[in-house]
Amino acid sequence: MNINAEYVNPFLEAAGVVFKSVVGVDLKRGKLAIKETPSPSHEVAILIGITGTISGEVVYSMNYPMVYKIANTLAPGLTEAQIQNEYKDIIGELANMITGNAMNLFAETGKRIEMTTPTVIDGKNFTITHIKQTTLAITLYSPFGQLEMNVALK
């Protein structure tokens, strides 16, 4: 089963643009892997459902240190306790921006997609049941840490 690059590239491009313009860091593309489901590899995961011309899900994940660095950058001056309370909203909004930009890129190619509101899940011991769908996992590197992007679309 091959994964169409035209389904993945808008998310990669959008992530690069949003991280550069909003967070102020560059993302460097790392290794690609094929997985059976879009299950996240890191403790903080953002799940987004996609429907329309193409459907499936996109799951972004990162570790806590990266999340805190992003939260500090986007909401400077927050205390540690405030970051604990706010980081899910901050990270969810970042994922919203990436996916919104990707939707615009899809629209330019004539593909119409809709997305669900991002759901942020965290913890070391959570289980998410995903549809079994061939997934392209892309590791993106930044000065803040690794962002894993799992794209399971058809």
N, C-alpha and C. Protein backbone atom coordinates (compact mmCIF):
# COMPACT_ATOMS: atom_id res chain seq x y z
N MET A 1 0.85 -1.19 0.00
CA MET A 1 0.00 0.00 0.00
C MET A 1 0.89 1.24 0.00
N ASN A 2 0.77 2.06 -1.02
CA ASN A 2 1.60 3.26 -1.02
C ASN A 2 0.80 4.45 -0.49
N ILE A 3 1.53 5.36 0.11
CA ILE A 3 0.91 6.55 0.65
C ILE A 3 1.24 7.68 -0.31
N ASN A 4 0.21 8.38 -0.73
CA ASN A 4 0.37 9.41 -1.73
C ASN A 4 1.06 10.64 -1.13
N ALA A 5 2.18 11.03 -1.72
CA ALA A 5 2.93 12.19 -1.23
C ALA A 5 2.08 13.46 -1.25
N GLU A 6 1.14 13.54 -2.20
CA GLU A 6 0.32 14.76 -2.26
C GLU A 6 -0.59 14.89 -1.05
N TYR A 7 -0.79 13.80 -0.28
CA TYR A 7 -1.58 13.86 0.96
C TYR A 7 -0.73 14.27 2.15
N VAL A 8 0.56 14.00 2.05
CA VAL A 8 1.47 14.25 3.18
C VAL A 8 2.12 15.63 3.08
N ASN A 9 2.52 16.01 1.86
CA ASN A 9 3.28 17.25 1.68
C ASN A 9 2.58 18.50 2.21
N PRO A 10 1.25 18.67 2.04
CA PRO A 10 0.63 19.87 2.61
C PRO A 10 0.81 19.98 4.13
N PHE A 11 0.79 18.84 4.83
CA PHE A 11 0.97 18.87 6.28
C PHE A 11 2.42 19.22 6.63
N LEU A 12 3.37 18.67 5.88
CA LEU A 12 4.78 18.98 6.12
C LEU A 12 5.06 20.46 5.86
N GLU A 13 4.55 20.93 4.72
CA GLU A 13 4.76 22.34 4.36
C GLU A 13 4.12 23.26 5.40
N ALA A 14 2.90 22.94 5.79
CA ALA A 14 2.19 23.77 6.77
C ALA A 14 2.90 23.77 8.12
N ALA A 15 3.39 22.62 8.56
CA ALA A 15 4.12 22.54 9.83
C ALA A 15 5.36 23.42 9.79
N GLY A 16 6.09 23.36 8.68
CA GLY A 16 7.29 24.17 8.54
C GLY A 16 6.98 25.66 8.61
N VAL A 17 5.93 26.07 7.90
CA VAL A 17 5.54 27.49 7.87
C VAL A 17 5.09 27.96 9.25
N VAL A 18 4.25 27.17 9.92
CA VAL A 18 3.72 27.58 11.23
C VAL A 18 4.82 27.62 12.28
N PHE A 19 5.67 26.60 12.31
CA PHE A 19 6.75 26.61 13.31
C PHE A 19 7.69 27.79 13.08
N LYS A 20 7.99 28.11 11.82
CA LYS A 20 8.89 29.23 11.52
C LYS A 20 8.24 30.56 11.90
N SER A 21 6.98 30.76 11.49
CA SER A 21 6.35 32.07 11.70
C SER A 21 5.80 32.26 13.11
N VAL A 22 5.31 31.20 13.74
CA VAL A 22 4.66 31.35 15.05
C VAL A 22 5.61 31.05 16.21
N VAL A 23 6.37 29.95 16.07
CA VAL A 23 7.25 29.54 17.16
C VAL A 23 8.66 30.11 16.98
N GLY A 24 9.01 30.42 15.72
CA GLY A 24 10.32 31.02 15.46
C GLY A 24 11.44 30.01 15.30
N VAL A 25 11.10 28.75 15.01
CA VAL A 25 12.14 27.74 14.80
C VAL A 25 11.90 27.01 13.48
N ASP A 26 12.98 26.52 12.91
CA ASP A 26 12.89 25.72 11.68
C ASP A 26 12.66 24.26 12.01
N LEU A 27 11.92 23.60 11.17
CA LEU A 27 11.76 22.14 11.26
C LEU A 27 12.60 21.52 10.16
N LYS A 28 13.38 20.52 10.54
CA LYS A 28 14.17 19.78 9.55
C LYS A 28 13.59 18.38 9.43
N ARG A 29 13.36 17.96 8.19
CA ARG A 29 12.76 16.66 7.94
C ARG A 29 13.76 15.55 8.27
N GLY A 30 13.31 14.60 9.04
CA GLY A 30 14.15 13.47 9.41
C GLY A 30 13.67 12.23 8.69
N LYS A 31 13.76 11.12 9.37
CA LYS A 31 13.45 9.85 8.73
C LYS A 31 11.95 9.64 8.57
N LEU A 32 11.64 8.85 7.57
CA LEU A 32 10.27 8.45 7.30
C LEU A 32 10.13 6.99 7.68
N ALA A 33 8.97 6.62 8.18
CA ALA A 33 8.71 5.22 8.50
C ALA A 33 7.27 4.90 8.13
N ILE A 34 7.02 3.65 7.83
CA ILE A 34 5.65 3.20 7.57
C ILE A 34 5.19 2.46 8.83
N LYS A 35 4.01 2.81 9.31
CA LYS A 35 3.44 2.17 10.49
C LYS A 35 2.06 1.63 10.12
N GLU A 36 1.55 0.72 10.96
CA GLU A 36 0.22 0.15 10.71
C GLU A 36 -0.91 1.05 11.18
N THR A 37 -0.64 1.89 12.17
CA THR A 37 -1.64 2.83 12.67
C THR A 37 -0.93 4.15 12.97
N PRO A 38 -1.69 5.24 13.11
CA PRO A 38 -1.06 6.53 13.42
C PRO A 38 -0.78 6.75 14.91
N SER A 39 -0.59 5.68 15.68
CA SER A 39 -0.32 5.81 17.12
C SER A 39 0.90 6.68 17.37
N PRO A 40 0.81 7.60 18.33
CA PRO A 40 1.92 8.51 18.61
C PRO A 40 3.07 7.83 19.35
N SER A 41 4.28 8.36 19.18
CA SER A 41 5.46 7.84 19.86
C SER A 41 5.83 8.64 21.10
N HIS A 42 5.30 9.85 21.22
CA HIS A 42 5.67 10.73 22.34
C HIS A 42 4.50 10.89 23.31
N GLU A 43 4.78 11.54 24.47
CA GLU A 43 3.79 11.62 25.56
C GLU A 43 2.61 12.54 25.27
N VAL A 44 2.81 13.55 24.44
CA VAL A 44 1.73 14.49 24.13
C VAL A 44 1.34 14.28 22.68
N ALA A 45 0.06 13.97 22.45
CA ALA A 45 -0.42 13.70 21.10
C ALA A 45 -1.59 14.61 20.77
N ILE A 46 -1.63 15.05 19.53
CA ILE A 46 -2.75 15.85 19.03
C ILE A 46 -3.38 15.06 17.91
N LEU A 47 -4.65 14.68 18.09
CA LEU A 47 -5.37 13.87 17.11
C LEU A 47 -6.32 14.76 16.32
N ILE A 48 -6.27 14.60 15.00
CA ILE A 48 -7.15 15.37 14.13
C ILE A 48 -7.76 14.43 13.10
N GLY A 49 -9.08 14.41 13.05
CA GLY A 49 -9.79 13.61 12.05
C GLY A 49 -9.95 14.42 10.78
N ILE A 50 -9.83 13.75 9.64
CA ILE A 50 -9.93 14.41 8.34
C ILE A 50 -11.03 13.73 7.53
N THR A 51 -11.92 14.55 6.95
CA THR A 51 -12.96 14.01 6.08
C THR A 51 -13.03 14.87 4.82
N GLY A 52 -13.67 14.35 3.80
CA GLY A 52 -13.82 15.10 2.56
C GLY A 52 -13.31 14.27 1.40
N THR A 53 -12.62 14.95 0.45
CA THR A 53 -12.06 14.27 -0.71
C THR A 53 -11.14 13.14 -0.27
N ILE A 54 -10.40 13.39 0.82
CA ILE A 54 -9.58 12.36 1.44
C ILE A 54 -10.03 12.24 2.88
N SER A 55 -9.79 11.08 3.49
CA SER A 55 -10.22 10.91 4.88
C SER A 55 -9.20 10.09 5.65
N GLY A 56 -9.30 10.19 6.97
CA GLY A 56 -8.39 9.47 7.84
C GLY A 56 -8.06 10.33 9.04
N GLU A 57 -6.82 10.19 9.52
CA GLU A 57 -6.42 11.02 10.64
C GLU A 57 -4.96 11.41 10.56
N VAL A 58 -4.68 12.52 11.22
CA VAL A 58 -3.32 13.01 11.36
C VAL A 58 -3.07 13.13 12.85
N VAL A 59 -1.93 12.58 13.30
CA VAL A 59 -1.58 12.63 14.72
C VAL A 59 -0.20 13.25 14.84
N TYR A 60 -0.14 14.39 15.54
CA TYR A 60 1.14 15.02 15.83
C TYR A 60 1.51 14.59 17.25
N SER A 61 2.79 14.33 17.50
CA SER A 61 3.17 14.06 18.89
C SER A 61 4.55 14.61 19.18
N MET A 62 4.75 14.94 20.46
CA MET A 62 6.03 15.48 20.93
C MET A 62 6.16 15.18 22.41
N ASN A 63 7.38 15.35 22.93
CA ASN A 63 7.57 15.08 24.35
C ASN A 63 7.30 16.35 25.18
N TYR A 64 7.19 16.16 26.50
CA TYR A 64 6.89 17.29 27.39
C TYR A 64 7.89 18.43 27.29
N PRO A 65 9.22 18.17 27.27
CA PRO A 65 10.14 19.32 27.19
C PRO A 65 9.89 20.20 25.97
N MET A 66 9.57 19.59 24.82
CA MET A 66 9.29 20.38 23.63
C MET A 66 8.00 21.18 23.81
N VAL A 67 6.98 20.54 24.37
CA VAL A 67 5.71 21.23 24.61
C VAL A 67 5.92 22.46 25.50
N TYR A 68 6.71 22.30 26.58
CA TYR A 68 6.95 23.42 27.49
C TYR A 68 7.71 24.55 26.81
N LYS A 69 8.68 24.20 25.95
CA LYS A 69 9.43 25.24 25.23
C LYS A 69 8.50 26.00 24.29
N ILE A 70 7.62 25.28 23.62
CA ILE A 70 6.66 25.94 22.72
C ILE A 70 5.72 26.84 23.54
N ALA A 71 5.20 26.32 24.64
CA ALA A 71 4.29 27.10 25.49
C ALA A 71 4.98 28.36 26.00
N ASN A 72 6.24 28.24 26.43
CA ASN A 72 6.99 29.41 26.91
C ASN A 72 7.20 30.43 25.82
N THR A 73 7.41 29.97 24.59
CA THR A 73 7.63 30.86 23.46
C THR A 73 6.34 31.59 23.08
N LEU A 74 5.22 30.84 23.04
CA LEU A 74 3.96 31.42 22.59
C LEU A 74 3.23 32.19 23.68
N ALA A 75 3.51 31.88 24.93
CA ALA A 75 2.88 32.58 26.06
C ALA A 75 3.94 32.89 27.10
N PRO A 76 4.86 33.81 26.76
CA PRO A 76 5.95 34.11 27.68
C PRO A 76 5.42 34.69 28.98
N GLY A 77 6.10 34.39 30.07
CA GLY A 77 5.69 34.95 31.36
C GLY A 77 4.77 34.04 32.14
N LEU A 78 4.34 32.94 31.56
CA LEU A 78 3.51 32.01 32.33
C LEU A 78 4.36 31.30 33.37
N THR A 79 3.78 31.09 34.53
CA THR A 79 4.48 30.32 35.56
C THR A 79 4.41 28.85 35.19
N GLU A 80 5.20 28.03 35.87
CA GLU A 80 5.18 26.59 35.64
C GLU A 80 3.76 26.04 35.84
N ALA A 81 3.08 26.50 36.87
CA ALA A 81 1.71 26.03 37.15
C ALA A 81 0.76 26.45 36.03
N GLN A 82 0.91 27.67 35.52
CA GLN A 82 0.06 28.13 34.43
C GLN A 82 0.31 27.33 33.16
N ILE A 83 1.58 27.01 32.91
CA ILE A 83 1.89 26.19 31.73
C ILE A 83 1.22 24.83 31.88
N GLN A 84 1.28 24.25 33.08
CA GLN A 84 0.62 22.96 33.32
C GLN A 84 -0.86 23.03 32.95
N ASN A 85 -1.50 24.16 33.25
CA ASN A 85 -2.93 24.32 32.98
C ASN A 85 -3.24 24.69 31.53
N GLU A 86 -2.30 25.36 30.86
CA GLU A 86 -2.58 25.95 29.56
C GLU A 86 -1.98 25.22 28.36
N TYR A 87 -0.99 24.34 28.59
CA TYR A 87 -0.25 23.84 27.43
C TYR A 87 -1.11 23.08 26.43
N LYS A 88 -2.16 22.39 26.90
CA LYS A 88 -3.01 21.66 25.95
C LYS A 88 -3.69 22.62 24.99
N ASP A 89 -4.16 23.75 25.50
CA ASP A 89 -4.80 24.74 24.63
C ASP A 89 -3.79 25.34 23.66
N ILE A 90 -2.58 25.63 24.16
CA ILE A 90 -1.55 26.24 23.32
C ILE A 90 -1.15 25.27 22.20
N ILE A 91 -0.89 24.02 22.55
CA ILE A 91 -0.47 23.02 21.57
C ILE A 91 -1.62 22.71 20.61
N GLY A 92 -2.84 22.65 21.12
CA GLY A 92 -4.01 22.41 20.26
C GLY A 92 -4.17 23.51 19.23
N GLU A 93 -3.92 24.75 19.66
CA GLU A 93 -4.04 25.89 18.74
C GLU A 93 -2.95 25.83 17.67
N LEU A 94 -1.75 25.43 18.07
CA LEU A 94 -0.66 25.28 17.10
C LEU A 94 -1.04 24.21 16.06
N ALA A 95 -1.58 23.09 16.53
CA ALA A 95 -2.01 22.02 15.61
C ALA A 95 -3.14 22.52 14.69
N ASN A 96 -4.04 23.33 15.25
CA ASN A 96 -5.11 23.93 14.46
C ASN A 96 -4.54 24.77 13.32
N MET A 97 -3.52 25.57 13.63
CA MET A 97 -2.90 26.43 12.61
C MET A 97 -2.26 25.58 11.52
N ILE A 98 -1.54 24.54 11.92
CA ILE A 98 -0.88 23.67 10.93
C ILE A 98 -1.92 23.02 10.03
N THR A 99 -2.95 22.46 10.65
CA THR A 99 -3.95 21.74 9.86
C THR A 99 -4.77 22.70 9.00
N GLY A 100 -5.06 23.88 9.53
CA GLY A 100 -5.77 24.90 8.75
C GLY A 100 -4.98 25.30 7.52
N ASN A 101 -3.66 25.50 7.70
CA ASN A 101 -2.80 25.83 6.56
C ASN A 101 -2.77 24.68 5.56
N ALA A 102 -2.72 23.45 6.06
CA ALA A 102 -2.72 22.28 5.17
C ALA A 102 -4.03 22.22 4.38
N MET A 103 -5.16 22.53 5.05
CA MET A 103 -6.45 22.54 4.35
C MET A 103 -6.44 23.52 3.20
N ASN A 104 -5.84 24.69 3.42
CA ASN A 104 -5.75 25.70 2.35
C ASN A 104 -4.90 25.19 1.19
N LEU A 105 -3.81 24.49 1.51
CA LEU A 105 -2.96 23.92 0.46
C LEU A 105 -3.71 22.85 -0.33
N PHE A 106 -4.51 22.02 0.37
CA PHE A 106 -5.32 21.03 -0.32
C PHE A 106 -6.34 21.72 -1.23
N ALA A 107 -6.96 22.78 -0.73
CA ALA A 107 -7.98 23.50 -1.51
C ALA A 107 -7.39 24.04 -2.81
N GLU A 108 -6.12 24.47 -2.77
CA GLU A 108 -5.46 24.98 -3.98
C GLU A 108 -5.33 23.90 -5.05
N THR A 109 -5.34 22.63 -4.64
CA THR A 109 -5.24 21.53 -5.60
C THR A 109 -6.62 20.96 -5.96
N GLY A 110 -7.66 21.62 -5.44
CA GLY A 110 -9.02 21.18 -5.76
C GLY A 110 -9.56 20.13 -4.81
N LYS A 111 -8.79 19.75 -3.79
CA LYS A 111 -9.26 18.77 -2.81
C LYS A 111 -9.90 19.52 -1.64
N ARG A 112 -11.10 19.13 -1.31
CA ARG A 112 -11.81 19.75 -0.19
C ARG A 112 -11.72 18.81 1.00
N ILE A 113 -11.20 19.32 2.09
CA ILE A 113 -11.18 18.51 3.30
C ILE A 113 -11.72 19.30 4.48
N GLU A 114 -12.25 18.59 5.43
CA GLU A 114 -12.71 19.17 6.69
C GLU A 114 -11.90 18.51 7.79
N MET A 115 -11.74 19.21 8.90
CA MET A 115 -11.01 18.60 10.01
C MET A 115 -11.79 18.75 11.30
N THR A 116 -11.57 17.79 12.18
CA THR A 116 -12.18 17.88 13.50
C THR A 116 -11.35 18.85 14.34
N THR A 117 -11.91 19.32 15.43
CA THR A 117 -11.15 20.12 16.37
C THR A 117 -10.04 19.23 16.94
N PRO A 118 -8.82 19.75 17.03
CA PRO A 118 -7.74 18.92 17.57
C PRO A 118 -8.03 18.47 19.01
N THR A 119 -7.75 17.21 19.28
CA THR A 119 -7.88 16.65 20.62
C THR A 119 -6.48 16.41 21.15
N VAL A 120 -6.15 17.04 22.28
CA VAL A 120 -4.83 16.88 22.87
C VAL A 120 -4.93 15.85 23.99
N ILE A 121 -4.08 14.82 23.91
CA ILE A 121 -4.05 13.76 24.91
C ILE A 121 -2.63 13.68 25.42
N ASP A 122 -2.48 13.47 26.72
CA ASP A 122 -1.12 13.35 27.23
C ASP A 122 -1.03 12.27 28.29
N GLY A 123 0.19 11.86 28.53
CA GLY A 123 0.46 10.85 29.54
C GLY A 123 1.27 9.74 28.94
N LYS A 124 1.88 8.96 29.80
CA LYS A 124 2.71 7.87 29.31
C LYS A 124 1.90 6.60 29.09
N ASN A 125 0.76 6.49 29.73
CA ASN A 125 0.03 5.22 29.71
C ASN A 125 -1.35 5.32 29.08
N PHE A 126 -1.47 6.12 28.02
CA PHE A 126 -2.78 6.16 27.37
C PHE A 126 -2.77 5.23 26.16
N THR A 127 -3.93 4.75 25.81
CA THR A 127 -4.07 3.91 24.63
C THR A 127 -5.13 4.55 23.76
N ILE A 128 -4.84 4.65 22.49
CA ILE A 128 -5.80 5.19 21.54
C ILE A 128 -6.05 4.09 20.53
N THR A 129 -7.29 3.79 20.29
CA THR A 129 -7.60 2.80 19.26
C THR A 129 -7.78 3.53 17.94
N HIS A 130 -6.89 3.24 17.03
CA HIS A 130 -6.95 3.87 15.71
C HIS A 130 -7.45 2.85 14.70
N ILE A 131 -8.01 3.37 13.64
CA ILE A 131 -8.33 2.49 12.52
C ILE A 131 -7.00 1.94 12.01
N LYS A 132 -7.02 0.71 11.56
CA LYS A 132 -5.80 0.14 10.98
C LYS A 132 -5.69 0.74 9.59
N GLN A 133 -4.73 1.61 9.43
CA GLN A 133 -4.58 2.36 8.18
C GLN A 133 -3.09 2.60 7.98
N THR A 134 -2.59 2.22 6.83
CA THR A 134 -1.18 2.45 6.56
C THR A 134 -0.86 3.92 6.81
N THR A 135 0.17 4.15 7.62
CA THR A 135 0.51 5.48 8.10
C THR A 135 1.93 5.83 7.72
N LEU A 136 2.13 7.05 7.27
CA LEU A 136 3.47 7.55 7.05
C LEU A 136 3.85 8.36 8.29
N ALA A 137 4.89 7.93 8.98
CA ALA A 137 5.38 8.64 10.16
C ALA A 137 6.61 9.44 9.75
N ILE A 138 6.56 10.74 9.98
CA ILE A 138 7.67 11.62 9.62
C ILE A 138 8.18 12.25 10.91
N THR A 139 9.49 12.14 11.13
CA THR A 139 10.10 12.81 12.28
C THR A 139 10.63 14.14 11.79
N LEU A 140 10.23 15.20 12.48
CA LEU A 140 10.69 16.55 12.17
C LEU A 140 11.50 17.05 13.37
N TYR A 141 12.68 17.59 13.08
CA TYR A 141 13.57 18.04 14.15
C TYR A 141 13.56 19.55 14.24
N SER A 142 13.60 20.05 15.48
CA SER A 142 13.68 21.49 15.72
C SER A 142 14.64 21.71 16.89
N PRO A 143 15.04 22.95 17.11
CA PRO A 143 15.88 23.23 18.29
C PRO A 143 15.14 22.89 19.60
N PHE A 144 13.82 22.78 19.56
CA PHE A 144 13.04 22.48 20.75
C PHE A 144 12.87 20.99 20.99
N GLY A 145 13.13 20.17 19.96
CA GLY A 145 12.94 18.73 20.10
C GLY A 145 12.33 18.16 18.83
N GLN A 146 11.84 16.93 18.95
CA GLN A 146 11.28 16.22 17.79
C GLN A 146 9.75 16.32 17.77
N LEU A 147 9.24 16.55 16.58
CA LEU A 147 7.81 16.49 16.33
C LEU A 147 7.58 15.29 15.43
N GLU A 148 6.73 14.38 15.87
CA GLU A 148 6.38 13.25 15.01
C GLU A 148 5.05 13.56 14.37
N MET A 149 4.97 13.38 13.06
CA MET A 149 3.72 13.60 12.34
C MET A 149 3.33 12.27 11.69
N ASN A 150 2.19 11.73 12.11
CA ASN A 150 1.69 10.48 11.54
C ASN A 150 0.50 10.82 10.65
N VAL A 151 0.61 10.50 9.38
CA VAL A 151 -0.43 10.83 8.42
C VAL A 151 -1.03 9.52 7.89
N ALA A 152 -2.32 9.31 8.20
CA ALA A 152 -3.02 8.10 7.76
C ALA A 152 -4.25 8.55 6.97
N LEU A 153 -4.05 8.78 5.68
CA LEU A 153 -5.13 9.30 4.83
C LEU A 153 -5.31 8.43 3.61
N LYS A 154 -6.56 8.41 3.13
CA LYS A 154 -6.80 7.71 1.86
C LYS A 154 -7.87 8.45 1.09
